[in-house]
Amino acid sequence: MSNTSSPSNGGEKKRPSMFRGEPGTEPTRREVLGLAPLERNMGFFAAFIGIVASGFALPNYLSGKNTHLTQTAKPNAAHACAKGYHLVASLCEKTIVQTHAYWTFEFFGLLVMSALILFAAFRRNRALLIVISIIFGLIAGAAGFLFLALGAWLLLRAFRLQRNGSPRRPTRQRSTPSSDVSTPARVAPAPSKRYTPKRQNRR
């Protein structure tokens, strides 16, 4: 009987891997829907970025006043500006009024979405983190590319984990000769009965 070591009988414990699952093994539902340590840290980092972004909108929200944003664009070949723009020097400018309601939505929207991302990362909920990251990325516009990339990355890793048993790319294993096939041992020839060795003289 072969002795197997276990944590209860003093055997060595296996160190947890940074990536869950091993190639060739069937992942459990908890492994697919949960988060690995690296994925959880990425969720915490995304929540931190969202909280910092909401902090930039806080002064305009507390001021209670409308703000003005100036957009610029290049004129066409005839040096004419598009509708709503007026030519200033060599650029077309347009003034956009941002009301207090805009900054209210900006501040609370970023803050609530960041809190949801933080909650999903804390609970190790992959599905919730993917959905919130994608919604956050779509609402934030061009600045939400980081959250869209996070959601797509988590979705891709879940697909690989469910298909291959590991979120890493499947690696080609080198074929090794089977060790079950044993080579036949050489059998020593039987002693010949026709030849009798000479007996040594005893002194």
N, C-alpha and C. Protein backbone atom coordinates (compact mmCIF):
# COMPACT_ATOMS: atom_id res chain seq x y z
N MET A 1 0.84 -1.20 0.00
CA MET A 1 0.00 0.00 0.00
C MET A 1 0.87 1.25 0.00
N SER A 2 0.50 2.26 -0.77
CA SER A 2 1.30 3.48 -0.87
C SER A 2 0.75 4.51 0.10
N ASN A 3 1.64 5.14 0.84
CA ASN A 3 1.25 6.15 1.82
C ASN A 3 1.04 7.47 1.13
N THR A 4 -0.11 8.10 1.33
CA THR A 4 -0.41 9.41 0.75
C THR A 4 -0.41 10.43 1.86
N SER A 5 0.25 11.55 1.62
CA SER A 5 0.35 12.59 2.63
C SER A 5 -0.83 13.53 2.51
N SER A 6 -1.37 13.97 3.62
CA SER A 6 -2.50 14.89 3.66
C SER A 6 -2.23 15.93 4.72
N PRO A 7 -2.90 17.07 4.68
CA PRO A 7 -2.66 18.11 5.67
C PRO A 7 -2.97 17.67 7.08
N SER A 8 -3.91 16.69 7.25
CA SER A 8 -4.29 16.25 8.59
C SER A 8 -3.25 15.37 9.22
N ASN A 9 -2.52 14.59 8.44
CA ASN A 9 -1.55 13.67 9.01
C ASN A 9 -0.13 14.19 8.90
N GLY A 10 0.05 15.50 8.75
CA GLY A 10 1.39 16.06 8.74
C GLY A 10 2.03 16.13 7.39
N GLY A 11 1.26 15.90 6.31
CA GLY A 11 1.82 15.95 4.97
C GLY A 11 2.01 17.39 4.53
N GLU A 12 2.71 17.59 3.44
CA GLU A 12 2.97 18.92 2.93
C GLU A 12 1.73 19.47 2.24
N LYS A 13 1.42 20.72 2.49
CA LYS A 13 0.30 21.38 1.84
C LYS A 13 0.76 21.97 0.53
N LYS A 14 -0.11 21.88 -0.46
CA LYS A 14 0.20 22.48 -1.76
C LYS A 14 -0.04 23.98 -1.70
N ARG A 15 0.91 24.74 -2.22
CA ARG A 15 0.77 26.18 -2.24
C ARG A 15 -0.30 26.60 -3.24
N PRO A 16 -1.19 27.52 -2.88
CA PRO A 16 -2.24 27.93 -3.81
C PRO A 16 -1.64 28.63 -5.01
N SER A 17 -2.12 28.28 -6.19
CA SER A 17 -1.62 28.87 -7.42
C SER A 17 -2.29 30.21 -7.67
N MET A 18 -1.60 31.11 -8.38
CA MET A 18 -2.18 32.41 -8.70
C MET A 18 -3.35 32.25 -9.65
N PHE A 19 -3.32 31.22 -10.48
CA PHE A 19 -4.41 30.94 -11.40
C PHE A 19 -5.12 29.68 -10.91
N ARG A 20 -6.42 29.71 -10.88
CA ARG A 20 -7.17 28.54 -10.46
C ARG A 20 -7.30 27.56 -11.60
N GLY A 21 -7.37 26.30 -11.22
CA GLY A 21 -7.56 25.26 -12.22
C GLY A 21 -6.25 24.81 -12.82
N GLU A 22 -6.23 23.61 -13.29
CA GLU A 22 -5.08 23.04 -13.96
C GLU A 22 -5.52 22.53 -15.32
N PRO A 23 -4.63 22.60 -16.33
CA PRO A 23 -5.01 22.11 -17.65
C PRO A 23 -5.41 20.64 -17.60
N GLY A 24 -6.51 20.32 -18.23
CA GLY A 24 -6.97 18.94 -18.29
C GLY A 24 -7.91 18.56 -17.17
N THR A 25 -8.22 19.46 -16.23
CA THR A 25 -9.13 19.16 -15.15
C THR A 25 -10.44 19.90 -15.36
N GLU A 26 -11.51 19.36 -14.84
CA GLU A 26 -12.83 19.95 -15.00
C GLU A 26 -13.03 21.00 -13.91
N PRO A 27 -13.19 22.29 -14.28
CA PRO A 27 -13.35 23.34 -13.26
C PRO A 27 -14.72 23.26 -12.61
N THR A 28 -14.79 23.66 -11.36
CA THR A 28 -16.05 23.69 -10.65
C THR A 28 -16.77 25.00 -10.92
N ARG A 29 -18.03 25.04 -10.52
CA ARG A 29 -18.82 26.27 -10.72
C ARG A 29 -18.24 27.42 -9.90
N ARG A 30 -17.72 27.10 -8.73
CA ARG A 30 -17.13 28.14 -7.88
C ARG A 30 -15.89 28.73 -8.50
N GLU A 31 -15.09 27.92 -9.19
CA GLU A 31 -13.88 28.41 -9.83
C GLU A 31 -14.20 29.30 -11.04
N VAL A 32 -15.26 28.94 -11.78
CA VAL A 32 -15.61 29.72 -12.97
C VAL A 32 -16.24 31.06 -12.58
N LEU A 33 -17.13 31.05 -11.60
CA LEU A 33 -17.84 32.27 -11.21
C LEU A 33 -17.08 33.09 -10.18
N GLY A 34 -16.04 32.52 -9.58
CA GLY A 34 -15.25 33.24 -8.60
C GLY A 34 -14.12 34.02 -9.25
N LEU A 35 -13.30 34.64 -8.42
CA LEU A 35 -12.19 35.46 -8.87
C LEU A 35 -10.90 34.94 -8.27
N ALA A 36 -9.87 34.88 -9.11
CA ALA A 36 -8.53 34.56 -8.65
C ALA A 36 -7.94 35.79 -7.94
N PRO A 37 -6.87 35.60 -7.17
CA PRO A 37 -6.28 36.77 -6.48
C PRO A 37 -5.90 37.91 -7.42
N LEU A 38 -5.33 37.60 -8.59
CA LEU A 38 -4.96 38.65 -9.53
C LEU A 38 -6.19 39.40 -10.04
N GLU A 39 -7.25 38.67 -10.37
CA GLU A 39 -8.48 39.29 -10.87
C GLU A 39 -9.13 40.15 -9.78
N ARG A 40 -9.07 39.69 -8.54
CA ARG A 40 -9.64 40.46 -7.44
C ARG A 40 -8.88 41.77 -7.23
N ASN A 41 -7.56 41.71 -7.31
CA ASN A 41 -6.77 42.93 -7.17
C ASN A 41 -7.03 43.92 -8.31
N MET A 42 -7.27 43.40 -9.52
CA MET A 42 -7.61 44.28 -10.63
C MET A 42 -8.95 44.96 -10.39
N GLY A 43 -9.90 44.26 -9.77
CA GLY A 43 -11.18 44.87 -9.42
C GLY A 43 -11.02 45.98 -8.39
N PHE A 44 -10.17 45.74 -7.38
CA PHE A 44 -9.90 46.78 -6.39
C PHE A 44 -9.24 48.00 -7.03
N PHE A 45 -8.34 47.77 -7.98
CA PHE A 45 -7.66 48.89 -8.64
C PHE A 45 -8.66 49.69 -9.49
N ALA A 46 -9.57 49.00 -10.19
CA ALA A 46 -10.58 49.70 -10.99
C ALA A 46 -11.51 50.53 -10.10
N ALA A 47 -11.87 49.98 -8.93
CA ALA A 47 -12.71 50.75 -8.01
C ALA A 47 -11.98 51.98 -7.50
N PHE A 48 -10.68 51.86 -7.26
CA PHE A 48 -9.90 53.01 -6.82
C PHE A 48 -9.86 54.10 -7.89
N ILE A 49 -9.69 53.69 -9.16
CA ILE A 49 -9.68 54.67 -10.25
C ILE A 49 -11.03 55.39 -10.35
N GLY A 50 -12.12 54.64 -10.18
CA GLY A 50 -13.45 55.26 -10.24
C GLY A 50 -13.68 56.24 -9.11
N ILE A 51 -13.20 55.92 -7.90
CA ILE A 51 -13.38 56.83 -6.77
C ILE A 51 -12.56 58.11 -6.98
N VAL A 52 -11.35 57.97 -7.53
CA VAL A 52 -10.53 59.14 -7.82
C VAL A 52 -11.21 60.03 -8.88
N ALA A 53 -11.81 59.40 -9.89
CA ALA A 53 -12.50 60.17 -10.94
C ALA A 53 -13.71 60.91 -10.37
N SER A 54 -14.43 60.29 -9.43
CA SER A 54 -15.56 60.99 -8.81
C SER A 54 -15.08 62.16 -7.96
N GLY A 55 -13.86 62.06 -7.43
CA GLY A 55 -13.31 63.17 -6.66
C GLY A 55 -13.07 64.40 -7.51
N PHE A 56 -12.74 64.22 -8.79
CA PHE A 56 -12.56 65.36 -9.67
C PHE A 56 -13.88 66.09 -9.95
N ALA A 57 -14.99 65.36 -9.91
CA ALA A 57 -16.29 65.98 -10.14
C ALA A 57 -16.89 66.58 -8.88
N LEU A 58 -16.29 66.30 -7.73
CA LEU A 58 -16.85 66.78 -6.47
C LEU A 58 -16.83 68.31 -6.35
N PRO A 59 -15.75 69.03 -6.69
CA PRO A 59 -15.78 70.50 -6.54
C PRO A 59 -16.87 71.16 -7.38
N ASN A 60 -17.07 70.71 -8.61
CA ASN A 60 -18.12 71.29 -9.45
C ASN A 60 -19.51 70.96 -8.91
N TYR A 61 -19.66 69.80 -8.27
CA TYR A 61 -20.94 69.46 -7.68
C TYR A 61 -21.23 70.31 -6.45
N LEU A 62 -20.22 70.55 -5.63
CA LEU A 62 -20.42 71.34 -4.41
C LEU A 62 -20.61 72.82 -4.71
N SER A 63 -20.10 73.29 -5.84
CA SER A 63 -20.25 74.71 -6.17
C SER A 63 -21.70 75.07 -6.45
N GLY A 64 -22.46 74.16 -6.99
CA GLY A 64 -23.87 74.43 -7.28
C GLY A 64 -24.08 75.36 -8.45
N LYS A 65 -23.07 75.57 -9.26
CA LYS A 65 -23.18 76.49 -10.38
C LYS A 65 -22.94 75.76 -11.70
N ASN A 66 -23.39 76.39 -12.77
CA ASN A 66 -23.13 75.84 -14.10
C ASN A 66 -21.68 76.11 -14.50
N THR A 67 -21.13 75.21 -15.26
CA THR A 67 -19.77 75.37 -15.77
C THR A 67 -19.81 75.42 -17.30
N HIS A 68 -18.76 75.97 -17.86
CA HIS A 68 -18.68 76.11 -19.31
C HIS A 68 -17.45 75.37 -19.82
N LEU A 69 -17.68 74.57 -20.83
CA LEU A 69 -16.61 73.80 -21.45
C LEU A 69 -16.46 74.24 -22.90
N THR A 70 -15.23 74.53 -23.29
CA THR A 70 -14.97 74.98 -24.65
C THR A 70 -14.38 73.84 -25.47
N GLN A 71 -15.06 73.51 -26.56
CA GLN A 71 -14.58 72.49 -27.48
C GLN A 71 -14.01 73.17 -28.72
N THR A 72 -12.92 72.59 -29.22
CA THR A 72 -12.26 73.15 -30.40
C THR A 72 -12.24 72.11 -31.53
N ALA A 73 -12.21 72.59 -32.74
CA ALA A 73 -12.14 71.74 -33.93
C ALA A 73 -11.46 72.52 -35.05
N LYS A 74 -10.93 71.78 -35.99
CA LYS A 74 -10.26 72.42 -37.13
C LYS A 74 -11.28 72.81 -38.20
N PRO A 75 -11.12 73.94 -38.83
CA PRO A 75 -12.04 74.32 -39.92
C PRO A 75 -11.80 73.47 -41.16
N ASN A 76 -12.75 73.49 -42.07
CA ASN A 76 -12.62 72.73 -43.29
C ASN A 76 -11.70 73.45 -44.28
N ALA A 77 -11.65 72.94 -45.49
CA ALA A 77 -10.74 73.52 -46.49
C ALA A 77 -11.12 74.95 -46.85
N ALA A 78 -12.40 75.30 -46.74
CA ALA A 78 -12.84 76.67 -47.05
C ALA A 78 -12.77 77.59 -45.84
N HIS A 79 -12.10 77.13 -44.77
CA HIS A 79 -11.95 77.90 -43.53
C HIS A 79 -13.31 78.24 -42.93
N ALA A 80 -14.23 77.31 -43.03
CA ALA A 80 -15.56 77.47 -42.45
C ALA A 80 -15.73 76.47 -41.31
N CYS A 81 -16.51 76.83 -40.30
CA CYS A 81 -16.73 75.97 -39.13
C CYS A 81 -18.07 75.25 -39.26
N ALA A 82 -18.20 74.18 -38.54
CA ALA A 82 -19.46 73.43 -38.53
C ALA A 82 -20.52 74.21 -37.75
N LYS A 83 -21.73 73.72 -37.79
CA LYS A 83 -22.84 74.41 -37.14
C LYS A 83 -22.63 74.39 -35.62
N GLY A 84 -22.79 75.53 -35.02
CA GLY A 84 -22.60 75.66 -33.58
C GLY A 84 -21.22 76.14 -33.20
N TYR A 85 -20.27 76.11 -34.12
CA TYR A 85 -18.90 76.57 -33.86
C TYR A 85 -18.71 77.95 -34.48
N HIS A 86 -17.79 78.70 -33.92
CA HIS A 86 -17.42 79.99 -34.50
C HIS A 86 -15.89 80.04 -34.57
N LEU A 87 -15.42 80.71 -35.59
CA LEU A 87 -13.98 80.75 -35.87
C LEU A 87 -13.29 81.76 -34.95
N VAL A 88 -12.29 81.25 -34.24
CA VAL A 88 -11.45 82.07 -33.38
C VAL A 88 -10.01 81.80 -33.76
N ALA A 89 -9.37 82.80 -34.32
CA ALA A 89 -8.00 82.63 -34.84
C ALA A 89 -8.02 81.56 -35.91
N SER A 90 -7.33 80.47 -35.70
CA SER A 90 -7.27 79.40 -36.70
C SER A 90 -8.06 78.18 -36.30
N LEU A 91 -8.85 78.22 -35.21
CA LEU A 91 -9.62 77.08 -34.74
C LEU A 91 -11.08 77.46 -34.59
N CYS A 92 -11.91 76.43 -34.67
CA CYS A 92 -13.35 76.60 -34.44
C CYS A 92 -13.64 76.26 -32.99
N GLU A 93 -14.37 77.11 -32.31
CA GLU A 93 -14.66 76.91 -30.90
C GLU A 93 -16.17 76.84 -30.67
N LYS A 94 -16.53 76.05 -29.65
CA LYS A 94 -17.93 75.89 -29.27
C LYS A 94 -18.01 75.81 -27.75
N THR A 95 -18.88 76.56 -27.14
CA THR A 95 -19.03 76.59 -25.69
C THR A 95 -20.22 75.73 -25.28
N ILE A 96 -19.95 74.79 -24.37
CA ILE A 96 -20.97 73.87 -23.87
C ILE A 96 -21.23 74.21 -22.41
N VAL A 97 -22.49 74.40 -22.07
CA VAL A 97 -22.87 74.70 -20.70
C VAL A 97 -23.20 73.39 -19.98
N GLN A 98 -22.48 73.15 -18.89
CA GLN A 98 -22.71 71.96 -18.07
C GLN A 98 -23.42 72.39 -16.80
N THR A 99 -24.67 71.96 -16.65
CA THR A 99 -25.49 72.38 -15.52
C THR A 99 -25.06 71.63 -14.25
N HIS A 100 -25.66 72.06 -13.13
CA HIS A 100 -25.37 71.39 -11.86
C HIS A 100 -25.91 69.96 -11.85
N ALA A 101 -27.00 69.74 -12.59
CA ALA A 101 -27.54 68.38 -12.67
C ALA A 101 -26.55 67.43 -13.35
N TYR A 102 -25.81 67.96 -14.31
CA TYR A 102 -24.80 67.13 -14.98
C TYR A 102 -23.73 66.68 -13.99
N TRP A 103 -23.25 67.60 -13.17
CA TRP A 103 -22.21 67.24 -12.21
C TRP A 103 -22.77 66.36 -11.09
N THR A 104 -24.06 66.51 -10.79
CA THR A 104 -24.67 65.62 -9.80
C THR A 104 -24.68 64.18 -10.30
N PHE A 105 -25.08 64.00 -11.56
CA PHE A 105 -25.08 62.67 -12.15
C PHE A 105 -23.65 62.13 -12.28
N GLU A 106 -22.72 63.01 -12.64
CA GLU A 106 -21.33 62.60 -12.82
C GLU A 106 -20.73 62.13 -11.49
N PHE A 107 -20.96 62.88 -10.44
CA PHE A 107 -20.36 62.54 -9.15
C PHE A 107 -20.97 61.27 -8.56
N PHE A 108 -22.30 61.24 -8.45
CA PHE A 108 -22.95 60.09 -7.83
C PHE A 108 -22.87 58.85 -8.72
N GLY A 109 -22.90 59.06 -10.04
CA GLY A 109 -22.78 57.91 -10.93
C GLY A 109 -21.43 57.22 -10.80
N LEU A 110 -20.35 58.00 -10.81
CA LEU A 110 -19.02 57.41 -10.65
C LEU A 110 -18.85 56.78 -9.28
N LEU A 111 -19.39 57.43 -8.26
CA LEU A 111 -19.23 56.93 -6.90
C LEU A 111 -19.99 55.62 -6.70
N VAL A 112 -21.22 55.56 -7.20
CA VAL A 112 -22.02 54.34 -7.03
C VAL A 112 -21.44 53.18 -7.84
N MET A 113 -21.02 53.43 -9.07
CA MET A 113 -20.44 52.37 -9.88
C MET A 113 -19.13 51.87 -9.28
N SER A 114 -18.34 52.78 -8.72
CA SER A 114 -17.10 52.36 -8.07
C SER A 114 -17.39 51.51 -6.84
N ALA A 115 -18.43 51.87 -6.10
CA ALA A 115 -18.81 51.07 -4.92
C ALA A 115 -19.29 49.68 -5.33
N LEU A 116 -20.01 49.58 -6.44
CA LEU A 116 -20.46 48.27 -6.91
C LEU A 116 -19.29 47.41 -7.37
N ILE A 117 -18.31 48.01 -8.04
CA ILE A 117 -17.12 47.26 -8.44
C ILE A 117 -16.35 46.79 -7.22
N LEU A 118 -16.25 47.65 -6.21
CA LEU A 118 -15.57 47.27 -4.98
C LEU A 118 -16.31 46.13 -4.28
N PHE A 119 -17.62 46.18 -4.27
CA PHE A 119 -18.42 45.11 -3.64
C PHE A 119 -18.25 43.79 -4.40
N ALA A 120 -18.27 43.84 -5.74
CA ALA A 120 -18.11 42.62 -6.53
C ALA A 120 -16.74 42.01 -6.34
N ALA A 121 -15.70 42.85 -6.27
CA ALA A 121 -14.35 42.32 -6.04
C ALA A 121 -14.22 41.74 -4.64
N PHE A 122 -14.84 42.38 -3.66
CA PHE A 122 -14.77 41.88 -2.29
C PHE A 122 -15.50 40.55 -2.15
N ARG A 123 -16.62 40.40 -2.86
CA ARG A 123 -17.40 39.17 -2.80
C ARG A 123 -16.90 38.09 -3.76
N ARG A 124 -15.87 38.42 -4.54
CA ARG A 124 -15.31 37.49 -5.54
C ARG A 124 -16.38 37.03 -6.53
N ASN A 125 -17.22 37.95 -6.97
CA ASN A 125 -18.30 37.64 -7.90
C ASN A 125 -17.87 38.07 -9.30
N ARG A 126 -17.52 37.09 -10.14
CA ARG A 126 -17.02 37.41 -11.47
C ARG A 126 -18.13 37.99 -12.36
N ALA A 127 -19.31 37.40 -12.33
CA ALA A 127 -20.39 37.85 -13.21
C ALA A 127 -20.77 39.30 -12.91
N LEU A 128 -20.91 39.64 -11.63
CA LEU A 128 -21.28 41.01 -11.26
C LEU A 128 -20.18 41.99 -11.64
N LEU A 129 -18.94 41.59 -11.46
CA LEU A 129 -17.83 42.49 -11.80
C LEU A 129 -17.75 42.74 -13.30
N ILE A 130 -18.05 41.72 -14.10
CA ILE A 130 -18.03 41.89 -15.56
C ILE A 130 -19.14 42.83 -16.00
N VAL A 131 -20.34 42.64 -15.48
CA VAL A 131 -21.48 43.46 -15.89
C VAL A 131 -21.27 44.92 -15.48
N ILE A 132 -20.85 45.15 -14.24
CA ILE A 132 -20.66 46.53 -13.76
C ILE A 132 -19.53 47.21 -14.51
N SER A 133 -18.46 46.47 -14.82
CA SER A 133 -17.33 47.08 -15.54
C SER A 133 -17.75 47.50 -16.95
N ILE A 134 -18.54 46.68 -17.62
CA ILE A 134 -18.97 47.02 -18.98
C ILE A 134 -19.93 48.22 -18.95
N ILE A 135 -20.88 48.23 -18.00
CA ILE A 135 -21.80 49.36 -17.89
C ILE A 135 -21.05 50.64 -17.55
N PHE A 136 -20.09 50.53 -16.63
CA PHE A 136 -19.28 51.69 -16.24
C PHE A 136 -18.51 52.22 -17.44
N GLY A 137 -17.95 51.31 -18.24
CA GLY A 137 -17.19 51.74 -19.41
C GLY A 137 -18.05 52.44 -20.45
N LEU A 138 -19.28 51.95 -20.63
CA LEU A 138 -20.17 52.58 -21.60
C LEU A 138 -20.66 53.95 -21.13
N ILE A 139 -20.89 54.11 -19.83
CA ILE A 139 -21.36 55.39 -19.32
C ILE A 139 -20.25 56.44 -19.33
N ALA A 140 -19.04 56.00 -19.00
CA ALA A 140 -17.93 56.95 -18.88
C ALA A 140 -17.41 57.44 -20.22
N GLY A 141 -17.81 56.81 -21.32
CA GLY A 141 -17.36 57.27 -22.63
C GLY A 141 -15.93 56.84 -22.93
N ALA A 142 -15.15 57.77 -23.47
CA ALA A 142 -13.77 57.44 -23.83
C ALA A 142 -12.93 57.12 -22.61
N ALA A 143 -13.25 57.73 -21.46
CA ALA A 143 -12.50 57.47 -20.24
C ALA A 143 -12.80 56.11 -19.64
N GLY A 144 -13.85 55.44 -20.13
CA GLY A 144 -14.20 54.14 -19.59
C GLY A 144 -13.58 52.97 -20.31
N PHE A 145 -12.56 53.23 -21.14
CA PHE A 145 -11.91 52.13 -21.86
C PHE A 145 -11.27 51.14 -20.90
N LEU A 146 -10.75 51.64 -19.78
CA LEU A 146 -10.12 50.76 -18.79
C LEU A 146 -11.12 49.76 -18.23
N PHE A 147 -12.34 50.21 -17.97
CA PHE A 147 -13.36 49.31 -17.39
C PHE A 147 -13.89 48.34 -18.45
N LEU A 148 -14.00 48.79 -19.69
CA LEU A 148 -14.38 47.86 -20.76
C LEU A 148 -13.33 46.78 -20.95
N ALA A 149 -12.05 47.17 -20.89
CA ALA A 149 -10.98 46.19 -21.02
C ALA A 149 -10.98 45.20 -19.86
N LEU A 150 -11.29 45.68 -18.66
CA LEU A 150 -11.35 44.78 -17.50
C LEU A 150 -12.47 43.76 -17.65
N GLY A 151 -13.66 44.22 -18.07
CA GLY A 151 -14.77 43.30 -18.26
C GLY A 151 -14.49 42.26 -19.34
N ALA A 152 -13.90 42.69 -20.46
CA ALA A 152 -13.57 41.75 -21.53
C ALA A 152 -12.50 40.76 -21.09
N TRP A 153 -11.53 41.23 -20.32
CA TRP A 153 -10.45 40.35 -19.83
C TRP A 153 -11.00 39.29 -18.88
N LEU A 154 -11.89 39.67 -17.97
CA LEU A 154 -12.48 38.71 -17.05
C LEU A 154 -13.36 37.70 -17.79
N LEU A 155 -14.08 38.17 -18.80
CA LEU A 155 -14.93 37.28 -19.58
C LEU A 155 -14.11 36.28 -20.37
N LEU A 156 -12.99 36.72 -20.93
CA LEU A 156 -12.12 35.83 -21.69
C LEU A 156 -11.49 34.78 -20.79
N ARG A 157 -11.07 35.17 -19.60
CA ARG A 157 -10.46 34.22 -18.67
C ARG A 157 -11.48 33.20 -18.17
N ALA A 158 -12.72 33.62 -17.98
CA ALA A 158 -13.75 32.67 -17.57
C ALA A 158 -14.02 31.66 -18.69
N PHE A 159 -14.00 32.11 -19.93
CA PHE A 159 -14.21 31.20 -21.06
C PHE A 159 -13.07 30.19 -21.17
N ARG A 160 -11.83 30.65 -20.99
CA ARG A 160 -10.70 29.73 -21.04
C ARG A 160 -10.71 28.74 -19.88
N LEU A 161 -11.11 29.22 -18.70
CA LEU A 161 -11.17 28.34 -17.54
C LEU A 161 -12.21 27.26 -17.72
N GLN A 162 -13.35 27.60 -18.30
CA GLN A 162 -14.41 26.62 -18.50
C GLN A 162 -14.06 25.64 -19.61
N ARG A 163 -13.30 26.09 -20.61
CA ARG A 163 -12.96 25.22 -21.73
C ARG A 163 -11.73 24.37 -21.47
N ASN A 164 -10.69 24.96 -20.89
CA ASN A 164 -9.41 24.27 -20.74
C ASN A 164 -9.10 23.85 -19.31
N GLY A 165 -9.89 24.28 -18.34
CA GLY A 165 -9.56 23.97 -16.96
C GLY A 165 -8.55 24.93 -16.38
N SER A 166 -8.10 25.92 -17.14
CA SER A 166 -7.14 26.91 -16.67
C SER A 166 -7.34 28.18 -17.47
N PRO A 167 -7.23 29.37 -16.81
CA PRO A 167 -7.39 30.62 -17.56
C PRO A 167 -6.22 30.93 -18.47
N ARG A 168 -5.11 30.18 -18.36
CA ARG A 168 -3.98 30.41 -19.23
C ARG A 168 -4.19 29.70 -20.56
N ARG A 169 -3.41 30.10 -21.56
CA ARG A 169 -3.51 29.48 -22.87
C ARG A 169 -3.04 28.04 -22.80
N PRO A 170 -3.73 27.11 -23.50
CA PRO A 170 -3.29 25.72 -23.44
C PRO A 170 -1.92 25.56 -24.10
N THR A 171 -1.05 24.86 -23.40
CA THR A 171 0.30 24.63 -23.90
C THR A 171 0.40 23.23 -24.47
N ARG A 172 1.20 23.09 -25.50
CA ARG A 172 1.41 21.79 -26.11
C ARG A 172 2.35 20.96 -25.25
N GLN A 173 1.89 19.77 -24.92
CA GLN A 173 2.71 18.89 -24.12
C GLN A 173 3.51 17.96 -25.01
N ARG A 174 4.78 17.84 -24.69
CA ARG A 174 5.64 16.96 -25.45
C ARG A 174 5.31 15.50 -25.16
N SER A 175 5.31 14.71 -26.21
CA SER A 175 5.01 13.29 -26.05
C SER A 175 6.22 12.60 -25.46
N THR A 176 5.99 11.90 -24.36
CA THR A 176 7.05 11.16 -23.70
C THR A 176 6.79 9.68 -23.85
N PRO A 177 7.83 8.88 -23.99
CA PRO A 177 7.63 7.44 -24.12
C PRO A 177 6.98 6.87 -22.88
N SER A 178 6.09 5.95 -23.07
CA SER A 178 5.37 5.35 -21.96
C SER A 178 6.32 4.52 -21.12
N SER A 179 6.17 4.70 -19.79
CA SER A 179 7.03 3.94 -18.88
C SER A 179 6.41 2.62 -18.46
N ASP A 180 5.18 2.33 -18.95
CA ASP A 180 4.53 1.07 -18.57
C ASP A 180 5.12 -0.12 -19.30
N VAL A 181 5.67 0.12 -20.50
CA VAL A 181 6.21 -0.98 -21.28
C VAL A 181 7.59 -1.31 -20.74
N SER A 182 7.73 -2.45 -20.17
CA SER A 182 9.00 -2.87 -19.58
C SER A 182 9.79 -3.68 -20.60
N THR A 183 11.09 -3.43 -20.64
CA THR A 183 11.95 -4.16 -21.56
C THR A 183 12.22 -5.55 -21.00
N PRO A 184 12.21 -6.54 -21.86
CA PRO A 184 12.45 -7.92 -21.37
C PRO A 184 13.88 -8.07 -20.83
N ALA A 185 13.96 -8.66 -19.66
CA ALA A 185 15.27 -8.86 -19.03
C ALA A 185 15.98 -10.05 -19.67
N ARG A 186 17.28 -9.93 -19.75
CA ARG A 186 18.07 -11.03 -20.32
C ARG A 186 18.19 -12.17 -19.33
N VAL A 187 17.93 -13.34 -19.82
CA VAL A 187 17.99 -14.55 -18.99
C VAL A 187 19.35 -15.19 -19.16
N ALA A 188 20.01 -15.44 -18.04
CA ALA A 188 21.33 -16.06 -18.10
C ALA A 188 21.20 -17.51 -18.59
N PRO A 189 22.10 -17.96 -19.44
CA PRO A 189 22.03 -19.35 -19.93
C PRO A 189 22.27 -20.35 -18.82
N ALA A 190 21.56 -21.45 -18.95
CA ALA A 190 21.71 -22.51 -17.94
C ALA A 190 23.09 -23.17 -18.08
N PRO A 191 23.67 -23.62 -16.99
CA PRO A 191 24.99 -24.28 -17.07
C PRO A 191 24.94 -25.58 -17.87
N SER A 192 25.96 -25.78 -18.65
CA SER A 192 26.01 -26.99 -19.48
C SER A 192 26.33 -28.21 -18.63
N LYS A 193 25.59 -29.28 -18.88
CA LYS A 193 25.80 -30.52 -18.14
C LYS A 193 26.95 -31.36 -18.71
N ARG A 194 27.35 -31.07 -19.94
CA ARG A 194 28.43 -31.87 -20.55
C ARG A 194 29.81 -31.49 -20.02
N TYR A 195 29.93 -30.30 -19.52
CA TYR A 195 31.25 -29.85 -19.07
C TYR A 195 31.25 -29.77 -17.57
N THR A 196 32.18 -30.42 -16.94
CA THR A 196 32.32 -30.38 -15.49
C THR A 196 33.63 -29.70 -15.16
N PRO A 197 33.63 -28.61 -14.44
CA PRO A 197 34.87 -27.92 -14.16
C PRO A 197 35.79 -28.77 -13.26
N LYS A 198 37.08 -28.57 -13.41
CA LYS A 198 38.05 -29.32 -12.62
C LYS A 198 38.00 -28.85 -11.17
N ARG A 199 38.15 -29.85 -10.33
CA ARG A 199 38.17 -29.56 -8.91
C ARG A 199 39.56 -29.17 -8.48
N GLN A 200 39.68 -28.10 -7.68
CA GLN A 200 41.00 -27.68 -7.22
C GLN A 200 41.51 -28.61 -6.12
N ASN A 201 42.82 -28.83 -6.14
CA ASN A 201 43.46 -29.69 -5.15
C ASN A 201 43.52 -28.99 -3.80
N ARG A 202 43.15 -29.69 -2.78
CA ARG A 202 43.21 -29.14 -1.44
C ARG A 202 44.58 -29.48 -0.82
N ARG A 203 45.22 -28.53 -0.25
CA ARG A 203 46.50 -28.75 0.42
C ARG A 203 46.30 -28.93 1.89
